[in-house]
Each structure stands twice: as structure tokens, then as C-alpha cells.
N, C-alpha and C. Protein backbone atom coordinates (compact mmCIF):
# COMPACT_ATOMS: atom_id res chain seq x y z
N MET A 1 -58.77 -135.23 -41.10
CA MET A 1 -59.56 -136.42 -40.81
C MET A 1 -60.84 -136.37 -41.66
N ASN A 2 -61.34 -137.50 -41.99
CA ASN A 2 -62.52 -137.62 -42.84
C ASN A 2 -63.76 -137.03 -42.13
N THR A 3 -64.59 -136.31 -42.88
CA THR A 3 -65.78 -135.68 -42.32
C THR A 3 -66.75 -136.70 -41.74
N LEU A 4 -66.91 -137.82 -42.43
CA LEU A 4 -67.83 -138.85 -41.93
C LEU A 4 -67.34 -139.46 -40.63
N LEU A 5 -66.04 -139.63 -40.51
CA LEU A 5 -65.48 -140.17 -39.28
C LEU A 5 -65.71 -139.20 -38.12
N LEU A 6 -65.52 -137.91 -38.39
CA LEU A 6 -65.76 -136.91 -37.35
C LEU A 6 -67.24 -136.88 -36.94
N ALA A 7 -68.13 -137.00 -37.91
CA ALA A 7 -69.56 -137.03 -37.59
C ALA A 7 -69.89 -138.26 -36.75
N TRP A 8 -69.31 -139.39 -37.11
CA TRP A 8 -69.55 -140.63 -36.36
C TRP A 8 -69.00 -140.49 -34.94
N LEU A 9 -67.81 -139.91 -34.81
CA LEU A 9 -67.22 -139.72 -33.49
C LEU A 9 -68.02 -138.73 -32.64
N ALA A 10 -68.69 -137.78 -33.28
CA ALA A 10 -69.54 -136.85 -32.54
C ALA A 10 -70.83 -137.53 -32.08
N MET A 11 -71.32 -138.47 -32.88
CA MET A 11 -72.58 -139.14 -32.52
C MET A 11 -72.40 -140.17 -31.41
N LEU A 12 -71.21 -140.70 -31.23
CA LEU A 12 -71.00 -141.68 -30.16
C LEU A 12 -71.30 -141.12 -28.77
N PRO A 13 -70.69 -140.01 -28.37
CA PRO A 13 -71.04 -139.50 -27.02
C PRO A 13 -72.49 -139.02 -26.92
N MET A 14 -73.05 -138.58 -28.03
CA MET A 14 -74.46 -138.18 -28.01
C MET A 14 -75.35 -139.38 -27.71
N SER A 15 -75.03 -140.52 -28.31
CA SER A 15 -75.81 -141.73 -28.07
C SER A 15 -75.63 -142.22 -26.63
N ILE A 16 -74.41 -142.20 -26.15
CA ILE A 16 -74.13 -142.64 -24.78
C ILE A 16 -74.84 -141.73 -23.78
N ALA A 17 -74.82 -140.42 -24.02
CA ALA A 17 -75.49 -139.48 -23.12
C ALA A 17 -77.00 -139.71 -23.12
N ALA A 18 -77.58 -139.98 -24.28
CA ALA A 18 -79.01 -140.21 -24.35
C ALA A 18 -79.41 -141.47 -23.59
N VAL A 19 -78.63 -142.53 -23.72
CA VAL A 19 -78.92 -143.77 -23.00
C VAL A 19 -78.76 -143.55 -21.50
N TRP A 20 -77.71 -142.85 -21.11
CA TRP A 20 -77.48 -142.59 -19.68
C TRP A 20 -78.63 -141.77 -19.10
N LEU A 21 -79.04 -140.72 -19.80
CA LEU A 21 -80.16 -139.90 -19.31
C LEU A 21 -81.46 -140.70 -19.24
N GLY A 22 -81.67 -141.58 -20.19
CA GLY A 22 -82.88 -142.40 -20.20
C GLY A 22 -82.95 -143.36 -19.04
N HIS A 23 -81.80 -143.81 -18.55
CA HIS A 23 -81.79 -144.75 -17.43
C HIS A 23 -81.85 -144.06 -16.07
N HIS A 24 -81.39 -142.81 -16.00
CA HIS A 24 -81.28 -142.16 -14.70
C HIS A 24 -82.48 -141.27 -14.35
N ALA A 25 -83.16 -140.71 -15.32
CA ALA A 25 -84.31 -139.85 -15.01
C ALA A 25 -85.28 -139.86 -16.18
N PRO A 26 -85.93 -141.00 -16.41
CA PRO A 26 -86.77 -141.10 -17.61
C PRO A 26 -88.10 -140.36 -17.53
N ASP A 27 -88.52 -139.93 -16.33
CA ASP A 27 -89.85 -139.33 -16.19
C ASP A 27 -89.83 -137.81 -16.13
N SER A 28 -88.70 -137.21 -15.87
CA SER A 28 -88.62 -135.76 -15.76
C SER A 28 -88.60 -135.11 -17.14
N LEU A 29 -89.13 -133.90 -17.22
CA LEU A 29 -89.22 -133.21 -18.50
C LEU A 29 -87.85 -132.80 -19.04
N LEU A 30 -86.97 -132.34 -18.18
CA LEU A 30 -85.66 -131.86 -18.64
C LEU A 30 -84.82 -132.96 -19.28
N PRO A 31 -84.68 -134.15 -18.67
CA PRO A 31 -83.93 -135.20 -19.34
C PRO A 31 -84.59 -135.68 -20.64
N VAL A 32 -85.92 -135.70 -20.67
CA VAL A 32 -86.60 -136.09 -21.91
C VAL A 32 -86.31 -135.07 -23.00
N ALA A 33 -86.33 -133.80 -22.65
CA ALA A 33 -86.02 -132.75 -23.63
C ALA A 33 -84.57 -132.86 -24.10
N ALA A 34 -83.66 -133.17 -23.17
CA ALA A 34 -82.25 -133.32 -23.55
C ALA A 34 -82.06 -134.51 -24.48
N ILE A 35 -82.74 -135.61 -24.20
CA ILE A 35 -82.66 -136.79 -25.06
C ILE A 35 -83.18 -136.48 -26.45
N LEU A 36 -84.29 -135.77 -26.52
CA LEU A 36 -84.86 -135.41 -27.83
C LEU A 36 -83.95 -134.44 -28.58
N LEU A 37 -83.33 -133.51 -27.87
CA LEU A 37 -82.40 -132.59 -28.52
C LEU A 37 -81.15 -133.32 -29.02
N LEU A 38 -80.70 -134.29 -28.27
CA LEU A 38 -79.57 -135.11 -28.74
C LEU A 38 -79.97 -135.87 -30.01
N GLY A 39 -81.18 -136.37 -30.03
CA GLY A 39 -81.67 -137.05 -31.23
C GLY A 39 -81.76 -136.11 -32.42
N LEU A 40 -82.20 -134.87 -32.17
CA LEU A 40 -82.24 -133.88 -33.25
C LEU A 40 -80.84 -133.58 -33.77
N GLY A 41 -79.89 -133.48 -32.87
CA GLY A 41 -78.50 -133.24 -33.28
C GLY A 41 -77.96 -134.39 -34.12
N LYS A 42 -78.26 -135.60 -33.70
CA LYS A 42 -77.82 -136.76 -34.48
C LYS A 42 -78.51 -136.80 -35.83
N GLY A 43 -79.79 -136.45 -35.87
CA GLY A 43 -80.50 -136.40 -37.14
C GLY A 43 -79.91 -135.37 -38.07
N TRP A 44 -79.52 -134.21 -37.52
CA TRP A 44 -78.90 -133.17 -38.32
C TRP A 44 -77.57 -133.67 -38.92
N LEU A 45 -76.79 -134.38 -38.11
CA LEU A 45 -75.53 -134.93 -38.62
C LEU A 45 -75.78 -135.97 -39.71
N ILE A 46 -76.75 -136.81 -39.50
CA ILE A 46 -77.04 -137.85 -40.49
C ILE A 46 -77.52 -137.24 -41.80
N VAL A 47 -78.44 -136.29 -41.72
CA VAL A 47 -78.96 -135.67 -42.94
C VAL A 47 -77.87 -134.87 -43.64
N GLY A 48 -77.11 -134.11 -42.90
CA GLY A 48 -76.11 -133.24 -43.51
C GLY A 48 -74.87 -133.95 -43.98
N ARG A 49 -74.40 -134.90 -43.23
CA ARG A 49 -73.12 -135.54 -43.56
C ARG A 49 -73.29 -136.88 -44.26
N PHE A 50 -74.02 -137.80 -43.65
CA PHE A 50 -74.11 -139.14 -44.22
C PHE A 50 -74.99 -139.17 -45.47
N MET A 51 -76.08 -138.39 -45.46
CA MET A 51 -76.95 -138.34 -46.64
C MET A 51 -76.50 -137.27 -47.62
N GLU A 52 -75.53 -136.45 -47.20
CA GLU A 52 -74.93 -135.39 -48.02
C GLU A 52 -75.97 -134.42 -48.57
N LEU A 53 -76.94 -134.06 -47.74
CA LEU A 53 -77.95 -133.11 -48.17
C LEU A 53 -77.63 -131.67 -47.78
N SER A 54 -76.44 -131.44 -47.23
CA SER A 54 -76.09 -130.07 -46.86
C SER A 54 -75.98 -129.17 -48.09
N HIS A 55 -75.73 -129.76 -49.24
CA HIS A 55 -75.66 -129.00 -50.49
C HIS A 55 -76.80 -129.38 -51.43
N GLY A 56 -77.78 -130.09 -50.91
CA GLY A 56 -78.90 -130.56 -51.73
C GLY A 56 -80.01 -129.52 -51.81
N PRO A 57 -81.11 -129.93 -52.42
CA PRO A 57 -82.25 -129.03 -52.57
C PRO A 57 -82.82 -128.60 -51.21
N ARG A 58 -83.20 -127.34 -51.11
CA ARG A 58 -83.74 -126.80 -49.85
C ARG A 58 -85.01 -127.52 -49.41
N LEU A 59 -85.81 -127.97 -50.36
CA LEU A 59 -87.04 -128.67 -50.00
C LEU A 59 -86.72 -129.94 -49.23
N TRP A 60 -85.78 -130.73 -49.71
CA TRP A 60 -85.41 -131.97 -49.03
C TRP A 60 -84.79 -131.68 -47.67
N GLN A 61 -83.96 -130.65 -47.61
CA GLN A 61 -83.37 -130.28 -46.32
C GLN A 61 -84.46 -129.91 -45.33
N SER A 62 -85.41 -129.10 -45.79
CA SER A 62 -86.50 -128.66 -44.91
C SER A 62 -87.34 -129.83 -44.44
N LEU A 63 -87.66 -130.73 -45.35
CA LEU A 63 -88.49 -131.88 -44.98
C LEU A 63 -87.76 -132.81 -44.01
N LEU A 64 -86.52 -133.12 -44.31
CA LEU A 64 -85.79 -134.10 -43.50
C LEU A 64 -85.30 -133.53 -42.17
N LEU A 65 -85.20 -132.22 -42.06
CA LEU A 65 -84.84 -131.62 -40.78
C LEU A 65 -86.07 -131.09 -40.04
N GLY A 66 -87.13 -130.77 -40.77
CA GLY A 66 -88.34 -130.24 -40.15
C GLY A 66 -89.19 -131.31 -39.50
N TRP A 67 -89.28 -132.47 -40.13
CA TRP A 67 -90.11 -133.54 -39.58
C TRP A 67 -89.65 -133.96 -38.17
N PRO A 68 -88.37 -134.22 -37.92
CA PRO A 68 -87.96 -134.55 -36.54
C PRO A 68 -88.22 -133.41 -35.57
N LEU A 69 -88.14 -132.18 -36.04
CA LEU A 69 -88.43 -131.05 -35.17
C LEU A 69 -89.91 -131.02 -34.77
N VAL A 70 -90.79 -131.31 -35.72
CA VAL A 70 -92.23 -131.37 -35.43
C VAL A 70 -92.53 -132.52 -34.46
N VAL A 71 -91.97 -133.68 -34.71
CA VAL A 71 -92.21 -134.84 -33.85
C VAL A 71 -91.68 -134.57 -32.43
N THR A 72 -90.52 -133.94 -32.33
CA THR A 72 -89.96 -133.60 -31.02
C THR A 72 -90.88 -132.64 -30.28
N GLY A 73 -91.40 -131.65 -30.98
CA GLY A 73 -92.33 -130.71 -30.36
C GLY A 73 -93.59 -131.39 -29.86
N VAL A 74 -94.12 -132.30 -30.65
CA VAL A 74 -95.33 -133.03 -30.24
C VAL A 74 -95.05 -133.90 -29.02
N ILE A 75 -93.94 -134.59 -29.02
CA ILE A 75 -93.60 -135.45 -27.88
C ILE A 75 -93.41 -134.62 -26.62
N LEU A 76 -92.70 -133.48 -26.74
CA LEU A 76 -92.50 -132.63 -25.56
C LEU A 76 -93.82 -132.06 -25.05
N ALA A 77 -94.69 -131.67 -25.97
CA ALA A 77 -95.99 -131.15 -25.55
C ALA A 77 -96.83 -132.22 -24.86
N LEU A 78 -96.82 -133.43 -25.39
CA LEU A 78 -97.56 -134.51 -24.75
C LEU A 78 -96.97 -134.90 -23.40
N HIS A 79 -95.64 -134.89 -23.31
CA HIS A 79 -94.99 -135.24 -22.05
C HIS A 79 -95.22 -134.17 -21.01
N ALA A 80 -95.22 -132.91 -21.42
CA ALA A 80 -95.43 -131.82 -20.46
C ALA A 80 -96.86 -131.79 -19.95
N SER A 81 -97.81 -132.20 -20.79
CA SER A 81 -99.21 -132.18 -20.34
C SER A 81 -99.60 -133.42 -19.57
N HIS A 82 -98.74 -134.40 -19.53
CA HIS A 82 -99.03 -135.65 -18.84
C HIS A 82 -98.77 -135.56 -17.39
């Protein structure tokens, strides 16, 4: 089966799970963390498979995978302190 199709099929349940978690417990820290981790997983699939950076320069990989990790950390820190 095509790699892009498999990546797309993996992102479908991740998206559904994130929406479900967002509707059922949007204020708790654990569901927020799970939603953000699902987003990181989807970002990893997009960068690695759809943008085909898995074999690209390490700088671009680091930037495109590091930025969502930093933003996720900031959001979790702000949510935990709220």
C-alpha cells in the first residue's frame, strides 16, 4: 500500500480522537496533553511523509519538528499554571 495513504489513514483516527477529547473534557490537563500529543504525531507524519523531509537536511527536520514541540510545551505550561 502507498506510504502516503497509510499516513493519511493513521491521521484519521488521530483527528477523530482529538475532536472527541476536546468535546468531552476540554478543561482537564490530561485530555489537553493528549490532544497536543496527537497533534505532534500528526505533525510528525506530515513533515516526514507528505513533505518528504525524512531524508532531508537535519536543520529543516529539526526546525519543522522542534517548533511544534516548543509550542506544545508552552501551551501545556500555561494550561497547567492556569
